[in-house]
Amino acid sequence: MTKTTNKYSPEVRERAVRMVLDNAGQHESRWAAIVSISPKIGCAPQTLNERVKKVEIDTGQRGGITTEQAEKMKALEREVRELKQANEILRKASAYFAPALIAASGDCRAAGRSSTAH
């Protein structure tokens, strides 16, 4: 997965979204406003549309997962992945060292033998 860099500053993005939301009434549809404004900003209409949707979600005007919630979910998923890796390492280490620990303890029951077998 490659991460793309944002070509536009946050101020330019905010201004473009604000222009779409403020000028939507001057066009026959919101998409028409986006198509009209996107060349002025220098971005694709689809990109501007996605930014407008994201702002609407973050402000509660539209349903969906907010940016903050998405970031939290991403962090939690990363943590879960790291914990699973750590558990797998511990599981393999315990399986590797268990026979040596049993033999070193000298406890027959721990080794699976009864004390009457001697």
N, C-alpha and C. Protein backbone atom coordinates (compact mmCIF):
# COMPACT_ATOMS: atom_id res chain seq x y z
N MET A 1 0.82 -1.16 0.00
CA MET A 1 0.00 0.00 0.00
C MET A 1 0.88 1.24 0.00
N THR A 2 0.65 2.12 -0.94
CA THR A 2 1.40 3.36 -0.97
C THR A 2 0.52 4.49 -0.47
N LYS A 3 1.14 5.41 0.18
CA LYS A 3 0.40 6.55 0.71
C LYS A 3 0.71 7.75 -0.16
N THR A 4 -0.34 8.39 -0.63
CA THR A 4 -0.15 9.57 -1.47
C THR A 4 -0.08 10.80 -0.59
N THR A 5 0.65 11.78 -1.05
CA THR A 5 0.74 13.03 -0.31
C THR A 5 -0.36 13.97 -0.78
N ASN A 6 -0.80 14.81 0.13
CA ASN A 6 -1.83 15.79 -0.22
C ASN A 6 -1.18 16.95 -0.96
N LYS A 7 -1.69 17.23 -2.12
CA LYS A 7 -1.16 18.28 -2.98
C LYS A 7 -1.58 19.66 -2.49
N TYR A 8 -2.69 19.71 -1.79
CA TYR A 8 -3.27 20.98 -1.40
C TYR A 8 -3.18 21.16 0.11
N SER A 9 -2.98 22.40 0.51
CA SER A 9 -2.93 22.71 1.94
C SER A 9 -4.32 22.57 2.54
N PRO A 10 -4.39 22.38 3.84
CA PRO A 10 -5.71 22.30 4.48
C PRO A 10 -6.56 23.55 4.25
N GLU A 11 -5.92 24.70 4.16
CA GLU A 11 -6.67 25.94 3.93
C GLU A 11 -7.35 25.93 2.56
N VAL A 12 -6.62 25.45 1.54
CA VAL A 12 -7.20 25.39 0.19
C VAL A 12 -8.35 24.40 0.15
N ARG A 13 -8.17 23.26 0.81
CA ARG A 13 -9.24 22.25 0.85
C ARG A 13 -10.48 22.79 1.55
N GLU A 14 -10.27 23.45 2.69
CA GLU A 14 -11.40 24.02 3.43
C GLU A 14 -12.12 25.08 2.60
N ARG A 15 -11.34 25.90 1.92
CA ARG A 15 -11.92 26.96 1.09
C ARG A 15 -12.75 26.37 -0.05
N ALA A 16 -12.24 25.32 -0.68
CA ALA A 16 -12.97 24.69 -1.78
C ALA A 16 -14.29 24.11 -1.30
N VAL A 17 -14.27 23.43 -0.16
CA VAL A 17 -15.50 22.85 0.40
C VAL A 17 -16.47 23.97 0.76
N ARG A 18 -15.96 25.02 1.37
CA ARG A 18 -16.82 26.14 1.74
C ARG A 18 -17.46 26.77 0.50
N MET A 19 -16.67 26.89 -0.58
CA MET A 19 -17.21 27.45 -1.82
C MET A 19 -18.35 26.58 -2.36
N VAL A 20 -18.18 25.27 -2.30
CA VAL A 20 -19.23 24.36 -2.80
C VAL A 20 -20.48 24.52 -1.95
N LEU A 21 -20.32 24.49 -0.64
CA LEU A 21 -21.49 24.57 0.24
C LEU A 21 -22.17 25.94 0.15
N ASP A 22 -21.38 27.01 0.03
CA ASP A 22 -21.96 28.35 -0.04
C ASP A 22 -22.62 28.63 -1.40
N ASN A 23 -22.08 28.05 -2.48
CA ASN A 23 -22.57 28.35 -3.82
C ASN A 23 -23.48 27.27 -4.40
N ALA A 24 -23.87 26.31 -3.59
CA ALA A 24 -24.72 25.23 -4.10
C ALA A 24 -26.07 25.76 -4.60
N GLY A 25 -26.58 26.79 -3.99
CA GLY A 25 -27.87 27.36 -4.39
C GLY A 25 -27.82 28.09 -5.72
N GLN A 26 -26.63 28.46 -6.15
CA GLN A 26 -26.49 29.20 -7.41
C GLN A 26 -26.40 28.27 -8.62
N HIS A 27 -26.37 26.99 -8.37
CA HIS A 27 -26.28 25.99 -9.44
C HIS A 27 -27.49 25.08 -9.38
N GLU A 28 -27.75 24.37 -10.48
CA GLU A 28 -28.94 23.50 -10.50
C GLU A 28 -28.80 22.28 -9.59
N SER A 29 -27.56 21.91 -9.26
CA SER A 29 -27.33 20.80 -8.33
C SER A 29 -25.98 20.99 -7.65
N ARG A 30 -25.78 20.22 -6.62
CA ARG A 30 -24.49 20.31 -5.94
C ARG A 30 -23.37 19.83 -6.85
N TRP A 31 -23.64 18.79 -7.62
CA TRP A 31 -22.62 18.28 -8.54
C TRP A 31 -22.22 19.36 -9.54
N ALA A 32 -23.19 20.14 -10.02
CA ALA A 32 -22.88 21.24 -10.94
C ALA A 32 -21.98 22.27 -10.26
N ALA A 33 -22.23 22.54 -8.99
CA ALA A 33 -21.38 23.46 -8.23
C ALA A 33 -19.97 22.90 -8.11
N ILE A 34 -19.86 21.60 -7.85
CA ILE A 34 -18.56 20.96 -7.71
C ILE A 34 -17.80 21.00 -9.03
N VAL A 35 -18.48 20.69 -10.13
CA VAL A 35 -17.85 20.71 -11.45
C VAL A 35 -17.40 22.13 -11.80
N SER A 36 -18.15 23.12 -11.37
CA SER A 36 -17.80 24.51 -11.65
C SER A 36 -16.61 24.97 -10.81
N ILE A 37 -16.54 24.56 -9.56
CA ILE A 37 -15.52 25.04 -8.63
C ILE A 37 -14.21 24.25 -8.72
N SER A 38 -14.27 22.97 -8.99
CA SER A 38 -13.05 22.14 -8.97
C SER A 38 -11.96 22.62 -9.92
N PRO A 39 -12.25 23.09 -11.16
CA PRO A 39 -11.16 23.59 -12.00
C PRO A 39 -10.51 24.85 -11.43
N LYS A 40 -11.27 25.64 -10.71
CA LYS A 40 -10.73 26.86 -10.11
C LYS A 40 -9.73 26.52 -9.02
N ILE A 41 -9.98 25.43 -8.33
CA ILE A 41 -9.08 24.98 -7.27
C ILE A 41 -7.93 24.16 -7.87
N GLY A 42 -8.24 23.45 -8.94
CA GLY A 42 -7.22 22.63 -9.60
C GLY A 42 -7.26 21.18 -9.17
N CYS A 43 -8.44 20.70 -8.80
CA CYS A 43 -8.56 19.29 -8.41
C CYS A 43 -9.68 18.64 -9.21
N ALA A 44 -9.73 17.34 -9.16
CA ALA A 44 -10.78 16.59 -9.85
C ALA A 44 -12.12 16.78 -9.14
N PRO A 45 -13.21 16.81 -9.87
CA PRO A 45 -14.53 16.95 -9.24
C PRO A 45 -14.81 15.84 -8.22
N GLN A 46 -14.39 14.62 -8.52
CA GLN A 46 -14.62 13.50 -7.59
C GLN A 46 -13.91 13.74 -6.26
N THR A 47 -12.71 14.27 -6.33
CA THR A 47 -11.95 14.55 -5.11
C THR A 47 -12.66 15.60 -4.27
N LEU A 48 -13.10 16.65 -4.90
CA LEU A 48 -13.81 17.71 -4.18
C LEU A 48 -15.12 17.19 -3.60
N ASN A 49 -15.81 16.35 -4.35
CA ASN A 49 -17.06 15.75 -3.86
C ASN A 49 -16.80 14.91 -2.61
N GLU A 50 -15.74 14.12 -2.62
CA GLU A 50 -15.40 13.30 -1.44
C GLU A 50 -15.07 14.18 -0.24
N ARG A 51 -14.38 15.27 -0.47
CA ARG A 51 -14.05 16.19 0.63
C ARG A 51 -15.31 16.83 1.21
N VAL A 52 -16.23 17.21 0.34
CA VAL A 52 -17.49 17.79 0.81
C VAL A 52 -18.25 16.77 1.65
N LYS A 53 -18.33 15.53 1.18
CA LYS A 53 -19.01 14.47 1.93
C LYS A 53 -18.36 14.27 3.30
N LYS A 54 -17.03 14.26 3.33
CA LYS A 54 -16.30 14.05 4.59
C LYS A 54 -16.60 15.17 5.58
N VAL A 55 -16.64 16.40 5.10
CA VAL A 55 -16.96 17.53 5.98
C VAL A 55 -18.38 17.39 6.51
N GLU A 56 -19.31 16.98 5.66
CA GLU A 56 -20.69 16.80 6.10
C GLU A 56 -20.79 15.70 7.16
N ILE A 57 -20.05 14.63 6.99
CA ILE A 57 -20.05 13.55 7.99
C ILE A 57 -19.46 14.05 9.29
N ASP A 58 -18.32 14.75 9.21
CA ASP A 58 -17.65 15.23 10.42
C ASP A 58 -18.48 16.26 11.17
N THR A 59 -19.32 17.01 10.46
CA THR A 59 -20.15 18.02 11.12
C THR A 59 -21.53 17.48 11.51
N GLY A 60 -21.82 16.23 11.18
CA GLY A 60 -23.07 15.62 11.57
C GLY A 60 -24.22 15.86 10.60
N GLN A 61 -23.95 16.46 9.46
CA GLN A 61 -25.00 16.72 8.48
C GLN A 61 -25.33 15.49 7.65
N ARG A 62 -24.46 14.50 7.70
CA ARG A 62 -24.62 13.28 6.91
C ARG A 62 -24.18 12.11 7.80
N GLY A 63 -24.84 10.98 7.63
CA GLY A 63 -24.47 9.81 8.41
C GLY A 63 -23.18 9.19 7.90
N GLY A 64 -22.48 8.54 8.79
CA GLY A 64 -21.24 7.87 8.42
C GLY A 64 -20.23 7.92 9.54
N ILE A 65 -19.08 7.36 9.28
CA ILE A 65 -18.00 7.32 10.27
C ILE A 65 -17.17 8.59 10.14
N THR A 66 -17.05 9.32 11.25
CA THR A 66 -16.29 10.56 11.22
C THR A 66 -14.80 10.26 11.08
N THR A 67 -14.06 11.29 10.72
CA THR A 67 -12.61 11.16 10.57
C THR A 67 -11.98 10.72 11.88
N GLU A 68 -12.43 11.28 12.99
CA GLU A 68 -11.91 10.93 14.31
C GLU A 68 -12.17 9.46 14.63
N GLN A 69 -13.38 8.99 14.35
CA GLN A 69 -13.71 7.58 14.60
C GLN A 69 -12.88 6.67 13.71
N ALA A 70 -12.69 7.06 12.45
CA ALA A 70 -11.89 6.24 11.53
C ALA A 70 -10.45 6.14 12.00
N GLU A 71 -9.90 7.24 12.51
CA GLU A 71 -8.53 7.21 13.03
C GLU A 71 -8.42 6.32 14.25
N LYS A 72 -9.42 6.39 15.14
CA LYS A 72 -9.42 5.53 16.33
C LYS A 72 -9.50 4.07 15.94
N MET A 73 -10.39 3.77 14.98
CA MET A 73 -10.52 2.38 14.52
C MET A 73 -9.22 1.88 13.92
N LYS A 74 -8.57 2.70 13.14
CA LYS A 74 -7.31 2.33 12.51
C LYS A 74 -6.25 2.04 13.58
N ALA A 75 -6.18 2.90 14.59
CA ALA A 75 -5.22 2.69 15.68
C ALA A 75 -5.53 1.41 16.45
N LEU A 76 -6.80 1.16 16.71
CA LEU A 76 -7.18 -0.06 17.43
C LEU A 76 -6.90 -1.31 16.61
N GLU A 77 -7.15 -1.25 15.31
CA GLU A 77 -6.85 -2.39 14.44
C GLU A 77 -5.35 -2.67 14.42
N ARG A 78 -4.53 -1.59 14.39
CA ARG A 78 -3.08 -1.76 14.42
C ARG A 78 -2.65 -2.41 15.74
N GLU A 79 -3.25 -1.95 16.85
CA GLU A 79 -2.92 -2.50 18.16
C GLU A 79 -3.31 -3.98 18.24
N VAL A 80 -4.48 -4.33 17.74
CA VAL A 80 -4.93 -5.73 17.73
C VAL A 80 -3.95 -6.58 16.93
N ARG A 81 -3.54 -6.07 15.77
CA ARG A 81 -2.59 -6.81 14.92
C ARG A 81 -1.27 -7.04 15.66
N GLU A 82 -0.77 -6.00 16.35
CA GLU A 82 0.48 -6.13 17.10
C GLU A 82 0.33 -7.10 18.26
N LEU A 83 -0.80 -7.05 18.95
CA LEU A 83 -1.03 -7.98 20.07
C LEU A 83 -1.13 -9.42 19.59
N LYS A 84 -1.77 -9.64 18.45
CA LYS A 84 -1.85 -10.99 17.90
C LYS A 84 -0.46 -11.51 17.55
N GLN A 85 0.38 -10.64 16.99
CA GLN A 85 1.75 -11.05 16.67
C GLN A 85 2.52 -11.39 17.94
N ALA A 86 2.36 -10.57 18.98
CA ALA A 86 3.04 -10.82 20.25
C ALA A 86 2.55 -12.13 20.86
N ASN A 87 1.25 -12.39 20.82
CA ASN A 87 0.71 -13.64 21.35
C ASN A 87 1.26 -14.84 20.59
N GLU A 88 1.37 -14.73 19.29
CA GLU A 88 1.91 -15.82 18.48
C GLU A 88 3.37 -16.09 18.84
N ILE A 89 4.13 -15.04 19.04
CA ILE A 89 5.53 -15.20 19.44
C ILE A 89 5.60 -15.87 20.80
N LEU A 90 4.78 -15.44 21.74
CA LEU A 90 4.78 -16.05 23.08
C LEU A 90 4.33 -17.50 23.04
N ARG A 91 3.35 -17.81 22.19
CA ARG A 91 2.87 -19.18 22.05
C ARG A 91 3.99 -20.09 21.53
N LYS A 92 4.70 -19.62 20.52
CA LYS A 92 5.79 -20.41 19.95
C LYS A 92 6.94 -20.55 20.94
N ALA A 93 7.23 -19.48 21.69
CA ALA A 93 8.31 -19.54 22.68
C ALA A 93 7.96 -20.52 23.79
N SER A 94 6.72 -20.50 24.24
CA SER A 94 6.34 -21.42 25.32
C SER A 94 6.37 -22.86 24.84
N ALA A 95 5.98 -23.11 23.60
CA ALA A 95 6.05 -24.47 23.06
C ALA A 95 7.50 -24.91 22.92
N TYR A 96 8.39 -24.00 22.60
CA TYR A 96 9.80 -24.33 22.42
C TYR A 96 10.47 -24.60 23.77
N PHE A 97 10.17 -23.78 24.78
CA PHE A 97 10.85 -23.90 26.06
C PHE A 97 10.15 -24.85 27.03
N ALA A 98 8.93 -25.24 26.81
CA ALA A 98 8.19 -26.10 27.74
C ALA A 98 8.90 -27.41 28.03
N PRO A 99 9.37 -28.17 27.02
CA PRO A 99 10.05 -29.43 27.34
C PRO A 99 11.29 -29.24 28.21
N ALA A 100 12.04 -28.20 27.98
CA ALA A 100 13.24 -27.95 28.77
C ALA A 100 12.87 -27.59 30.20
N LEU A 101 11.82 -26.81 30.38
CA LEU A 101 11.39 -26.45 31.73
C LEU A 101 10.87 -27.66 32.49
N ILE A 102 10.16 -28.53 31.82
CA ILE A 102 9.63 -29.74 32.46
C ILE A 102 10.78 -30.64 32.88
N ALA A 103 11.75 -30.82 32.01
CA ALA A 103 12.89 -31.68 32.32
C ALA A 103 13.72 -31.08 33.44
N ALA A 104 13.87 -29.78 33.47
CA ALA A 104 14.68 -29.12 34.49
C ALA A 104 14.00 -29.14 35.84
N SER A 105 12.70 -29.21 35.86
CA SER A 105 12.00 -29.16 37.14
C SER A 105 12.13 -30.47 37.91
N GLY A 106 12.32 -31.57 37.19
CA GLY A 106 12.45 -32.86 37.85
C GLY A 106 11.15 -33.37 38.42
N ASP A 107 10.09 -32.75 38.17
CA ASP A 107 8.77 -33.15 38.66
C ASP A 107 8.18 -34.14 37.69
N CYS A 108 7.96 -35.34 38.13
CA CYS A 108 7.45 -36.40 37.27
C CYS A 108 6.02 -36.11 36.81
N ARG A 109 5.22 -35.56 37.70
CA ARG A 109 3.84 -35.29 37.32
C ARG A 109 3.77 -34.21 36.24
N ALA A 110 4.67 -33.24 36.31
CA ALA A 110 4.68 -32.20 35.30
C ALA A 110 5.05 -32.76 33.94
N ALA A 111 5.83 -33.83 33.96
CA ALA A 111 6.26 -34.46 32.70
C ALA A 111 5.22 -35.45 32.19
N GLY A 112 4.15 -35.64 32.93
CA GLY A 112 3.09 -36.53 32.48
C GLY A 112 3.26 -37.95 32.99
N ARG A 113 4.18 -38.17 33.91
CA ARG A 113 4.37 -39.52 34.47
C ARG A 113 3.86 -39.55 35.91
N SER A 114 3.38 -40.65 36.33
CA SER A 114 2.91 -40.76 37.71
C SER A 114 4.11 -41.06 38.60
N SER A 115 3.96 -40.77 39.88
CA SER A 115 5.05 -41.00 40.83
C SER A 115 5.24 -42.49 41.11
N THR A 116 4.29 -43.34 40.79
CA THR A 116 4.41 -44.77 41.04
C THR A 116 5.14 -45.48 39.92
N ALA A 117 5.46 -44.78 38.86
CA ALA A 117 6.14 -45.41 37.73
C ALA A 117 7.60 -45.67 38.03
N HIS A 118 8.16 -45.10 39.05
CA HIS A 118 9.58 -45.30 39.37
C HIS A 118 9.81 -46.59 40.07
